[in-house]
């Protein structure tokens, strides 16, 4: 979020195009508002020496990945028009997981609320506090709206994921300071076909595909052509690690 500009985000929306580690592109529009006129900053991880994220787990993340409130108050953020374009140019149609993390410490009087139009929120990780074993309370795991409510003390953090979202809303309520961080979890699966030996009939063609074992749906398909042995065109599916697949 190094290029984050609050005036643009709060003024209607800022378009982001982020190159991921494998060369894929995550694109989205970030918009927001604050009823009390609060400020948000892009900061390095960890956001604070007492935060769980960046200190006990998710170490060494480069750049300024955390959006961080500069004071107490409420900030509403919306990520919209999200998509992932893999390096081979195939546009993901939702088969990735958007991950949203508590990137500071949610203490008494504070909360984080995540709302998705994609798959229900699942718990990706529970990050231990820097000391002790206290965690904020939560509601909404397995639904479209997840809320993390703060408690007193040195607390841990939650990392949540949603499949197939195009829009995610985040509300940060900060008594002191609050932070949020976003990530993408996915992989690209490719199936191809090579004929060993000769065809029984030169006119025969073969259809091959990537299918989901969880629902049986076809995620990608391709068909051989001509009379040669291949390899033929690839069937490419972009999947999060939360989707089980066959080839």
Protein backbone atom coordinates (compact mmCIF):
# COMPACT_ATOMS: atom_id res chain seq x y z
CA UNK A 1 0.00 0.00 0.00
CA UNK A 2 3.03 2.27 -0.41
CA UNK A 3 1.22 4.44 -2.98
CA UNK A 4 -1.86 4.88 -0.72
CA UNK A 5 -3.16 8.47 -0.81
CA UNK A 6 -5.95 9.28 1.65
CA UNK A 7 -7.23 12.28 -0.31
CA UNK A 8 -7.78 10.03 -3.33
CA UNK A 9 -9.22 7.10 -1.36
CA UNK A 10 -11.58 9.27 0.67
CA UNK A 11 -12.36 11.44 -2.35
CA UNK A 12 -13.99 8.68 -4.39
CA UNK A 13 -11.48 5.86 -4.71
CA UNK A 14 -7.92 4.98 -5.65
CA UNK A 15 -7.15 2.28 -8.22
CA UNK A 16 -4.44 -0.19 -7.24
CA UNK A 17 -2.55 -2.64 -9.44
CA UNK A 18 -0.15 -4.71 -7.33
CA UNK A 19 2.36 -7.17 -8.76
CA UNK A 20 2.44 -10.32 -6.62
CA UNK A 21 5.50 -12.49 -6.00
CA UNK A 22 4.86 -14.77 -9.01
CA UNK A 23 4.18 -11.91 -11.42
CA UNK A 24 0.40 -12.03 -11.15
CA UNK A 25 -1.47 -8.74 -10.85
CA UNK A 26 -3.98 -8.00 -8.09
CA UNK A 27 -6.19 -5.05 -9.07
CA UNK A 28 -8.90 -3.32 -7.06
CA UNK A 29 -10.31 0.09 -6.16
CA UNK A 30 -9.95 1.26 -2.56
CA UNK A 31 -12.42 3.84 -1.25
CA UNK A 32 -13.20 4.97 2.27
CA UNK A 33 -14.54 7.52 4.69
CA UNK A 34 -14.32 8.51 8.32
CA UNK A 35 -17.34 10.07 10.09
CA UNK A 36 -15.00 11.89 12.46
CA UNK A 37 -12.45 12.97 9.86
CA UNK A 38 -9.82 10.49 11.00
CA UNK A 39 -6.58 9.88 9.12
CA UNK A 40 -5.19 6.59 7.82
CA UNK A 41 -1.56 5.94 6.95
CA UNK A 42 0.31 3.23 5.06
CA UNK A 43 2.99 1.83 7.41
CA UNK A 44 5.57 -0.94 7.58
CA UNK A 45 4.99 -4.21 9.46
CA UNK A 46 4.89 -4.57 12.37
CA UNK A 47 2.78 -1.48 12.97
CA UNK A 48 3.64 -1.54 16.68
CA UNK A 49 6.05 -3.40 18.92
CA UNK A 50 3.12 -4.94 20.82
CA UNK A 51 1.20 -6.16 17.75
CA UNK A 52 0.99 -9.90 17.12
CA UNK A 53 1.03 -9.67 13.31
CA UNK A 54 4.55 -8.90 12.17
CA UNK A 55 6.13 -9.83 15.52
CA UNK A 56 5.15 -13.44 16.25
CA UNK A 57 4.06 -14.43 12.71
CA UNK A 58 4.00 -13.06 9.15
CA UNK A 59 7.53 -11.75 9.53
CA UNK A 60 9.61 -9.78 7.06
CA UNK A 61 6.80 -8.49 4.83
CA UNK A 62 8.33 -5.75 2.66
CA UNK A 63 7.01 -2.29 1.83
CA UNK A 64 4.12 -0.63 3.67
CA UNK A 65 1.37 -3.27 3.68
CA UNK A 66 -0.62 -2.00 6.68
CA UNK A 67 -3.35 0.66 6.64
CA UNK A 68 -3.14 2.23 10.08
CA UNK A 69 -5.31 4.76 11.89
CA UNK A 70 -3.46 7.83 13.14
CA UNK A 71 -5.79 8.30 16.14
CA UNK A 72 -8.92 6.94 17.78
CA UNK A 73 -12.12 6.94 15.75
CA UNK A 74 -13.95 5.01 13.04
CA UNK A 75 -12.77 4.41 9.46
CA UNK A 76 -14.72 2.55 6.76
CA UNK A 77 -12.85 1.02 3.81
CA UNK A 78 -14.17 -0.73 0.68
CA UNK A 79 -12.18 -2.85 -1.76
CA UNK A 80 -14.18 -3.21 -4.99
CA UNK A 81 -13.70 -4.51 -8.55
CA UNK A 82 -11.16 -7.07 -7.34
CA UNK A 83 -9.54 -9.52 -9.75
CA UNK A 84 -6.29 -11.44 -10.16
CA UNK A 85 -4.57 -11.69 -13.56
CA UNK A 86 -1.94 -14.48 -13.63
CA UNK A 87 1.30 -14.03 -15.62
CA UNK A 88 -0.03 -16.07 -18.56
CA UNK A 89 -2.84 -13.52 -19.04
CA UNK A 90 -5.70 -15.71 -17.82
CA UNK A 91 -8.04 -13.58 -15.69
CA UNK A 92 -9.15 -15.20 -12.45
CA UNK A 93 -12.93 -15.55 -12.21
CA UNK A 94 -13.05 -15.58 -8.43
CA UNK A 95 -11.01 -18.67 -7.66
CA UNK A 96 -8.63 -16.99 -5.26
CA UNK A 97 -8.83 -16.20 -1.58
CA UNK A 98 -8.72 -12.64 -0.27
CA UNK A 99 -7.10 -12.60 3.17
CA UNK A 100 -7.75 -9.80 5.69
CA UNK A 101 -5.65 -9.51 8.84
CA UNK A 102 -5.80 -7.68 12.14
CA UNK A 103 -2.52 -5.82 11.73
CA UNK A 104 -2.24 -4.11 15.13
CA UNK A 105 -3.92 -4.93 18.47
CA UNK A 106 -7.67 -4.94 19.05
CA UNK A 107 -8.13 -3.89 22.67
CA UNK A 108 -11.04 -2.73 24.86
CA UNK A 109 -13.38 -0.32 23.07
CA UNK A 110 -12.00 -1.32 19.66
CA UNK A 111 -13.27 -3.60 16.91
CA UNK A 112 -12.71 -4.78 13.35
CA UNK A 113 -15.61 -5.83 11.08
CA UNK A 114 -15.11 -7.53 7.70
CA UNK A 115 -18.01 -7.97 5.24
CA UNK A 116 -17.69 -9.88 1.96
CA UNK A 117 -19.86 -10.56 -1.08
CA UNK A 118 -17.83 -13.73 -1.64
CA UNK A 119 -17.50 -16.94 0.33
CA UNK A 120 -18.14 -16.96 4.07
CA UNK A 121 -15.22 -15.91 6.25
CA UNK A 122 -12.95 -18.76 7.31
CA UNK A 123 -10.21 -18.66 9.94
CA UNK A 124 -6.85 -18.80 8.14
CA UNK A 125 -4.67 -18.22 11.19
CA UNK A 126 -4.75 -17.24 14.83
CA UNK A 127 -1.59 -15.25 15.57
CA UNK A 128 -0.27 -15.62 19.10
CA UNK A 129 0.28 -12.45 21.16
CA UNK A 130 3.85 -11.39 21.93
CA UNK A 131 3.23 -12.64 25.47
CA UNK A 132 0.42 -14.45 27.30
CA UNK A 133 -2.57 -16.10 25.64
CA UNK A 134 -5.32 -13.45 25.40
CA UNK A 135 -7.33 -12.99 22.19
CA UNK A 136 -10.14 -10.63 21.17
CA UNK A 137 -13.61 -12.18 21.02
CA UNK A 138 -15.11 -12.96 17.61
CA UNK A 139 -18.47 -13.52 15.93
CA UNK A 140 -19.43 -14.40 12.38
CA UNK A 141 -16.89 -17.04 11.36
CA UNK A 142 -18.61 -19.01 8.59
CA UNK A 143 -20.83 -16.05 7.60
CA UNK A 144 -20.50 -12.99 5.37
CA UNK A 145 -19.76 -10.63 8.29
CA UNK A 146 -16.96 -11.29 10.78
CA UNK A 147 -16.39 -9.07 13.83
CA UNK A 148 -13.42 -9.03 16.17
CA UNK A 149 -14.14 -7.23 19.44
CA UNK A 150 -11.29 -6.04 21.61
CA UNK A 151 -10.41 -6.98 25.16
CA UNK A 152 -7.89 -5.55 27.61
CA UNK A 153 -4.33 -6.81 27.68
CA UNK A 154 -1.66 -7.94 25.24
CA UNK A 155 -3.75 -9.68 22.61
CA UNK A 156 -3.28 -11.93 19.60
CA UNK A 157 -4.79 -11.41 16.16
CA UNK A 158 -6.97 -13.17 13.60
CA UNK A 159 -6.33 -13.74 9.89
CA UNK A 160 -9.53 -14.34 7.90
CA UNK A 161 -10.14 -15.42 4.31
CA UNK A 162 -13.01 -15.23 1.82
CA UNK A 163 -13.30 -17.06 -1.52
CA UNK A 164 -14.47 -15.31 -4.67
CA UNK A 165 -15.11 -11.77 -3.40
CA UNK A 166 -15.34 -8.81 -5.71
CA UNK A 167 -16.16 -6.40 -2.87
CA UNK A 168 -15.02 -6.41 0.76
CA UNK A 169 -15.89 -3.79 3.40
CA UNK A 170 -13.75 -3.19 6.49
CA UNK A 171 -14.72 -1.06 9.47
CA UNK A 172 -12.00 -0.14 11.96
CA UNK A 173 -13.08 1.25 15.33
CA UNK A 174 -10.01 2.49 17.18
CA UNK A 175 -9.85 3.52 20.81
CA UNK A 176 -6.17 4.16 20.32
CA UNK A 177 -4.85 2.81 17.02
CA UNK A 178 -6.01 0.08 14.63
CA UNK A 179 -4.55 -1.53 11.55
CA UNK A 180 -5.60 -3.85 8.73
CA UNK A 181 -3.64 -5.76 6.11
CA UNK A 182 -4.72 -7.56 2.91
CA UNK A 183 -3.25 -10.51 1.01
CA UNK A 184 -4.09 -12.97 -1.77
CA UNK A 185 -3.82 -16.73 -1.43
CA UNK A 186 -4.00 -18.72 -4.68
CA UNK A 187 -2.21 -20.94 -7.19
CA UNK A 188 -2.45 -21.63 -10.91
CA UNK A 189 -3.23 -25.22 -12.02
CA UNK A 190 -2.51 -26.25 -15.62
CA UNK A 191 -3.64 -29.46 -17.36
CA UNK A 192 -2.32 -30.46 -20.77
CA UNK A 193 -2.59 -33.51 -23.02
CA UNK A 194 0.11 -35.46 -24.88
CA UNK A 195 -0.80 -38.63 -26.79
CA UNK A 196 1.60 -41.51 -26.28
CA UNK A 197 2.06 -43.60 -29.42
CA UNK A 198 -0.43 -43.22 -32.26
CA UNK A 199 -4.16 -42.52 -32.34
CA UNK A 200 -6.54 -45.39 -32.94
CA UNK A 201 -8.35 -43.09 -35.33
CA UNK A 202 -6.67 -39.99 -36.75
CA UNK A 203 -9.91 -38.08 -36.30
CA UNK A 204 -10.17 -38.80 -32.57
CA UNK A 205 -10.01 -35.79 -30.23
CA UNK A 206 -9.68 -35.63 -26.46
CA UNK A 207 -11.20 -33.24 -23.95
CA UNK A 208 -9.35 -32.72 -20.68
CA UNK A 209 -10.25 -30.52 -17.73
CA UNK A 210 -9.63 -29.38 -14.19
CA UNK A 211 -12.59 -30.09 -11.91
CA UNK A 212 -13.40 -29.38 -8.28
CA UNK A 213 -13.75 -32.42 -6.04
CA UNK A 214 -15.78 -30.33 -3.58
CA UNK A 215 -18.65 -29.62 -5.98
CA UNK A 216 -17.81 -31.34 -9.25
CA UNK A 217 -17.77 -28.10 -11.21
CA UNK A 218 -15.46 -27.69 -14.19
CA UNK A 219 -12.89 -24.98 -13.49
CA UNK A 220 -11.09 -25.14 -16.85
CA UNK A 221 -11.31 -27.28 -19.99
CA UNK A 222 -9.52 -27.71 -23.35
CA UNK A 223 -9.74 -30.05 -26.35
CA UNK A 224 -7.06 -31.54 -28.61
CA UNK A 225 -6.95 -30.55 -32.27
CA UNK A 226 -5.58 -31.89 -35.54
CA UNK A 227 -4.00 -35.31 -36.02
CA UNK A 228 -0.73 -34.86 -34.11
CA UNK A 229 0.27 -36.08 -30.64
CA UNK A 230 0.42 -32.69 -28.93
CA UNK A 231 1.04 -31.14 -26.53
CA UNK A 232 -2.20 -29.25 -27.11
CA UNK A 233 -3.57 -26.06 -25.56
CA UNK A 234 -3.53 -25.87 -21.78
CA UNK A 235 -6.58 -25.88 -19.51
CA UNK A 236 -5.65 -23.26 -16.90
CA UNK A 237 -7.50 -22.66 -13.60
CA UNK A 238 -6.53 -20.08 -11.00
CA UNK A 239 -7.36 -21.53 -7.58
CA UNK A 240 -6.94 -20.64 -3.96
CA UNK A 241 -5.54 -23.32 -1.70
CA UNK A 242 -9.03 -23.59 -0.21
CA UNK A 243 -10.39 -25.23 -3.38
CA UNK A 244 -9.82 -28.99 -3.87
CA UNK A 245 -9.27 -29.99 -7.46
CA UNK A 246 -8.83 -32.98 -9.80
CA UNK A 247 -7.21 -33.04 -13.23
